[in-house]
Amino acid sequence: MVLKLSAIEKKISAHFTLSIDRMSMTSRNIYGIVGNNGAGKTTLLSLLCGLRRPDSGTLRIEGQKLTRDNLDWWKSQLGVYLDESFMFDYYTVFEHFEFMAAVWKVDGVDFKYRLDKYENVFNLKQYYRQRISSLSAGNKKKTGLMGTLLVNPKVIIWDEPFSGLDPRSQDLLMDLLQSYKLEQQAMVIISSHDLNHVAELCDEVVILDHGKIVGQTDTPMSYEQLRETFIVATADSENCAESLE
């Protein structure tokens, strides 16, 4: 699967517009989107998963422009978790999993198999009968992430998946994403403030600042290399923004 963005513009406020000249992503790769607060990471993710529509420009999947006519198909390919608003907090953990399976029409055999498979990573069985509203922030995050995997998506889009998780869960999630992209030939897109995780996990990294791509890597980098690239790219962007004021 190939995902391409061309000449994307999305105005969020009088002071902020996301502007992506060109970006391309393919299956069997993990992409990291990094940037300071307010850089446009969540806005970009919401465009990729069809929650927002660009004011101009095109998003193409396998050469086909994303439109209202094929938006439902595109969403059926996705496993999206941006924040806890993606869940009904009055559901129990298990009810949330059942809801995800029902909407994506996952049959009973596959549902049970995936529950057992991902339980080894997320360790949520003891919370199955608890309402999501009663969970800790970390267990809410685990519930949301595991729910997206139960539908066996071809494209994973996660915002800050490691934030709030304990170190063991972070390590297990890193291993899971690496194996998932290979086994399912999936595309994985994450945003994160944690450059350590991004450097260790991602095949390619996009650096956003002030709503624009200011840096991009197309090969894995060490933490030190990514940190230096990030600092230089965002500093140059800040200097440019100040010169325009």
Protein backbone atom coordinates (compact mmCIF):
# COMPACT_ATOMS: atom_id res chain seq x y z
CA MET A 1 0.00 0.00 0.00
CA VAL A 2 1.24 3.48 -0.90
CA LEU A 3 -0.03 6.65 0.78
CA LYS A 4 0.85 10.03 -0.73
CA LEU A 5 0.07 13.61 0.28
CA SER A 6 0.47 16.45 -2.21
CA ALA A 7 0.12 20.21 -1.63
CA ILE A 8 -1.95 19.73 1.53
CA GLU A 9 -3.23 22.85 3.31
CA LYS A 10 -5.38 22.79 6.45
CA LYS A 11 -6.09 26.02 8.33
CA ILE A 12 -6.76 25.40 12.02
CA SER A 13 -6.79 28.99 13.29
CA ALA A 14 -5.78 32.49 12.28
CA HIS A 15 -2.29 31.69 13.53
CA PHE A 16 -1.78 28.10 12.39
CA THR A 17 -2.02 26.26 9.07
CA LEU A 18 -0.72 22.78 8.38
CA SER A 19 1.09 22.87 5.03
CA ILE A 20 2.52 19.62 3.61
CA ASP A 21 4.09 20.01 0.18
CA ARG A 22 4.77 16.32 -0.38
CA MET A 23 4.91 13.16 1.72
CA SER A 24 4.91 9.46 0.81
CA MET A 25 4.54 6.32 2.96
CA THR A 26 4.50 2.62 2.06
CA SER A 27 3.62 -0.69 3.70
CA ARG A 28 6.17 -2.68 5.72
CA ASN A 29 7.57 0.50 7.24
CA ILE A 30 7.21 2.30 10.56
CA TYR A 31 7.04 6.09 10.33
CA GLY A 32 7.68 8.48 13.18
CA ILE A 33 6.22 11.99 13.24
CA VAL A 34 8.01 14.23 15.73
CA GLY A 35 7.81 17.88 16.63
CA ASN A 36 7.44 20.32 19.47
CA ASN A 37 4.04 21.09 20.99
CA GLY A 38 1.80 22.78 18.44
CA ALA A 39 3.87 21.62 15.47
CA GLY A 40 0.86 19.99 13.77
CA LYS A 41 1.41 16.31 14.53
CA THR A 42 -2.13 15.50 15.67
CA THR A 43 -3.62 17.57 12.85
CA LEU A 44 -1.59 15.57 10.35
CA LEU A 45 -2.71 12.27 11.88
CA SER A 46 -6.35 13.36 11.80
CA LEU A 47 -6.01 14.14 8.08
CA LEU A 48 -4.39 10.77 7.40
CA CYS A 49 -7.24 8.87 9.05
CA GLY A 50 -10.03 10.92 7.49
CA LEU A 51 -11.22 12.72 10.62
CA ARG A 52 -10.42 16.05 8.96
CA ARG A 53 -10.49 17.04 5.31
CA PRO A 54 -7.80 19.29 3.83
CA ASP A 55 -8.78 22.73 2.59
CA SER A 56 -6.73 22.00 -0.53
CA GLY A 57 -4.39 19.36 -1.89
CA THR A 58 -4.83 15.61 -2.24
CA LEU A 59 -4.33 12.45 -0.24
CA ARG A 60 -3.98 9.37 -2.43
CA ILE A 61 -4.05 5.69 -1.52
CA GLU A 62 -2.69 3.34 -4.19
CA GLY A 63 -3.00 6.21 -6.66
CA GLN A 64 -6.67 6.86 -5.88
CA LYS A 65 -7.68 10.20 -4.39
CA LEU A 66 -9.36 9.94 -0.98
CA THR A 67 -12.93 11.22 -1.31
CA ARG A 68 -16.25 10.82 0.45
CA ASP A 69 -16.96 7.88 -1.86
CA ASN A 70 -14.04 5.73 -0.65
CA LEU A 71 -13.62 7.14 2.87
CA ASP A 72 -15.49 4.23 4.49
CA TRP A 73 -13.21 1.73 2.73
CA TRP A 74 -10.13 3.66 3.88
CA LYS A 75 -11.34 3.71 7.49
CA SER A 76 -11.88 -0.06 7.30
CA GLN A 77 -8.14 -0.45 6.65
CA LEU A 78 -7.13 1.59 9.70
CA GLY A 79 -6.38 0.97 13.35
CA VAL A 80 -6.52 4.45 14.86
CA TYR A 81 -5.96 5.59 18.43
CA LEU A 82 -5.34 9.29 19.04
CA ASP A 83 -6.69 9.66 22.59
CA GLU A 84 -9.23 8.22 25.03
CA SER A 85 -12.10 10.07 23.33
CA PHE A 86 -11.98 7.17 20.83
CA MET A 87 -13.60 4.97 23.52
CA PHE A 88 -16.92 5.02 25.40
CA ASP A 89 -15.84 5.40 29.01
CA TYR A 90 -19.00 3.69 30.30
CA TYR A 91 -18.06 0.47 28.45
CA THR A 92 -16.08 -2.18 30.23
CA VAL A 93 -12.75 -3.11 28.71
CA PHE A 94 -14.22 -6.29 27.24
CA GLU A 95 -17.27 -4.44 25.91
CA HIS A 96 -14.93 -2.07 24.11
CA PHE A 97 -13.16 -5.01 22.50
CA GLU A 98 -16.51 -6.57 21.52
CA PHE A 99 -17.62 -3.24 20.04
CA MET A 100 -14.48 -2.97 17.91
CA ALA A 101 -14.91 -6.55 16.68
CA ALA A 102 -18.58 -5.96 15.83
CA VAL A 103 -17.98 -2.74 13.88
CA TRP A 104 -15.13 -4.29 11.88
CA LYS A 105 -17.00 -7.60 11.50
CA VAL A 106 -14.31 -9.75 13.12
CA ASP A 107 -15.57 -13.33 13.47
CA GLY A 108 -15.57 -15.12 16.82
CA VAL A 109 -12.60 -17.37 16.12
CA ASP A 110 -10.36 -14.50 15.02
CA PHE A 111 -11.56 -12.37 17.92
CA LYS A 112 -10.59 -14.98 20.51
CA TYR A 113 -7.26 -15.66 18.79
CA ARG A 114 -6.33 -11.97 18.76
CA LEU A 115 -7.48 -11.46 22.35
CA ASP A 116 -5.17 -14.23 23.49
CA LYS A 117 -2.32 -13.04 21.27
CA TYR A 118 -2.32 -9.43 22.41
CA GLU A 119 -3.14 -10.18 26.02
CA ASN A 120 0.47 -11.32 26.34
CA VAL A 121 1.56 -7.77 25.55
CA PHE A 122 -1.11 -5.62 27.19
CA ASN A 123 -1.95 -7.75 30.27
CA LEU A 124 -5.51 -6.45 30.59
CA LYS A 125 -7.54 -9.60 31.38
CA GLN A 126 -7.86 -8.65 35.04
CA TYR A 127 -9.59 -5.42 33.96
CA TYR A 128 -12.02 -6.90 31.42
CA ARG A 129 -15.06 -6.28 33.66
CA GLN A 130 -14.01 -2.80 34.75
CA ARG A 131 -15.43 0.32 33.15
CA ILE A 132 -12.94 2.29 31.10
CA SER A 133 -13.69 5.39 33.20
CA SER A 134 -12.26 3.62 36.28
CA LEU A 135 -8.91 2.70 34.69
CA SER A 136 -5.57 4.38 35.19
CA ALA A 137 -4.27 6.50 32.30
CA GLY A 138 -1.85 3.75 31.34
CA ASN A 139 -4.51 1.03 31.23
CA LYS A 140 -6.85 3.28 29.24
CA LYS A 141 -4.04 3.71 26.72
CA LYS A 142 -3.45 -0.06 26.60
CA THR A 143 -7.18 -0.68 26.07
CA GLY A 144 -7.30 1.78 23.18
CA LEU A 145 -4.20 0.42 21.49
CA MET A 146 -5.18 -3.23 21.89
CA GLY A 147 -8.66 -2.49 20.56
CA THR A 148 -7.20 -1.19 17.30
CA LEU A 149 -5.11 -4.34 16.82
CA LEU A 150 -8.11 -6.64 17.25
CA VAL A 151 -9.40 -5.49 13.84
CA ASN A 152 -6.13 -6.52 12.13
CA PRO A 153 -5.56 -3.17 10.39
CA LYS A 154 -3.39 -2.69 7.33
CA VAL A 155 -2.44 0.78 8.57
CA ILE A 156 -1.86 1.70 12.22
CA ILE A 157 -2.09 5.37 13.21
CA TRP A 158 -1.25 6.07 16.87
CA ASP A 159 -0.66 9.34 18.69
CA GLU A 160 1.86 9.13 21.58
CA PRO A 161 1.47 5.36 22.07
CA PHE A 162 4.27 5.11 24.66
CA SER A 163 3.22 8.00 26.86
CA GLY A 164 1.93 6.83 30.24
CA LEU A 165 3.02 3.21 29.80
CA ASP A 166 5.40 1.49 32.20
CA PRO A 167 8.86 0.56 30.87
CA ARG A 168 8.00 -3.15 30.43
CA SER A 169 4.88 -2.30 28.41
CA GLN A 170 6.87 0.13 26.27
CA ASP A 171 9.43 -2.54 25.42
CA LEU A 172 6.74 -5.12 24.62
CA LEU A 173 4.90 -2.62 22.43
CA MET A 174 8.08 -1.82 20.51
CA ASP A 175 8.63 -5.52 19.79
CA LEU A 176 4.97 -5.96 18.84
CA LEU A 177 5.04 -3.16 16.28
CA GLN A 178 8.19 -4.51 14.67
CA SER A 179 6.70 -7.99 14.30
CA TYR A 180 3.28 -6.66 13.24
CA LYS A 181 4.61 -4.62 10.31
CA LEU A 182 6.38 -7.72 8.95
CA GLU A 183 3.69 -10.32 9.62
CA GLN A 184 0.84 -8.17 8.29
CA GLN A 185 2.90 -6.19 5.76
CA ALA A 186 1.43 -3.16 7.48
CA MET A 187 2.15 0.54 7.49
CA VAL A 188 2.66 1.95 10.99
CA ILE A 189 2.48 5.70 11.67
CA ILE A 190 3.13 7.06 15.16
CA SER A 191 3.67 10.50 16.59
CA SER A 192 5.80 10.84 19.68
CA HIS A 193 7.80 13.29 21.75
CA ASP A 194 10.15 10.49 22.74
CA LEU A 195 13.08 10.58 20.32
CA ASN A 196 14.60 7.47 21.95
CA HIS A 197 11.64 5.31 21.00
CA VAL A 198 11.34 6.88 17.55
CA ALA A 199 15.02 6.32 16.78
CA GLU A 200 14.91 2.70 17.94
CA LEU A 201 11.63 1.81 16.24
CA CYS A 202 11.10 3.85 13.09
CA ASP A 203 12.38 3.25 9.57
CA GLU A 204 11.71 6.85 8.56
CA VAL A 205 11.06 10.04 10.52
CA VAL A 206 9.22 13.25 9.62
CA ILE A 207 10.04 16.36 11.65
CA LEU A 208 7.27 18.96 11.85
CA ASP A 209 7.54 22.56 13.05
CA HIS A 210 5.10 25.44 12.64
CA GLY A 211 2.87 23.20 10.50
CA LYS A 212 5.54 22.32 7.95
CA ILE A 213 7.94 19.45 7.32
CA VAL A 214 11.33 20.87 8.29
CA GLY A 215 13.30 17.63 8.27
CA GLN A 216 12.97 14.04 7.07
CA THR A 217 15.06 10.89 7.36
CA ASP A 218 14.71 7.93 5.01
CA THR A 219 16.99 5.52 6.91
CA PRO A 220 17.07 4.41 10.57
CA MET A 221 19.11 6.71 12.81
CA SER A 222 20.63 6.47 16.27
CA TYR A 223 19.14 8.57 19.05
CA GLU A 224 22.11 10.93 18.91
CA GLN A 225 21.78 11.39 15.14
CA LEU A 226 18.02 11.96 15.34
CA ARG A 227 18.40 14.38 18.25
CA GLU A 228 20.96 16.43 16.34
CA THR A 229 18.84 16.41 13.19
CA PHE A 230 15.77 17.48 15.19
CA ILE A 231 17.59 20.31 16.98
CA VAL A 232 19.08 21.71 13.77
CA ALA A 233 15.84 21.41 11.75
CA THR A 234 13.60 23.02 14.37
CA ALA A 235 16.14 25.76 15.14
CA ASP A 236 16.34 26.68 11.45
CA SER A 237 12.54 26.70 11.26
CA GLU A 238 12.27 28.94 14.34
CA ASN A 239 14.79 31.39 12.90
CA CYS A 240 12.89 31.48 9.61
CA ALA A 241 9.57 32.07 11.40
CA GLU A 242 11.08 34.93 13.42
CA SER A 243 12.51 36.56 10.30
CA LEU A 244 9.05 36.64 8.73
CA GLU A 245 7.45 38.42 11.70
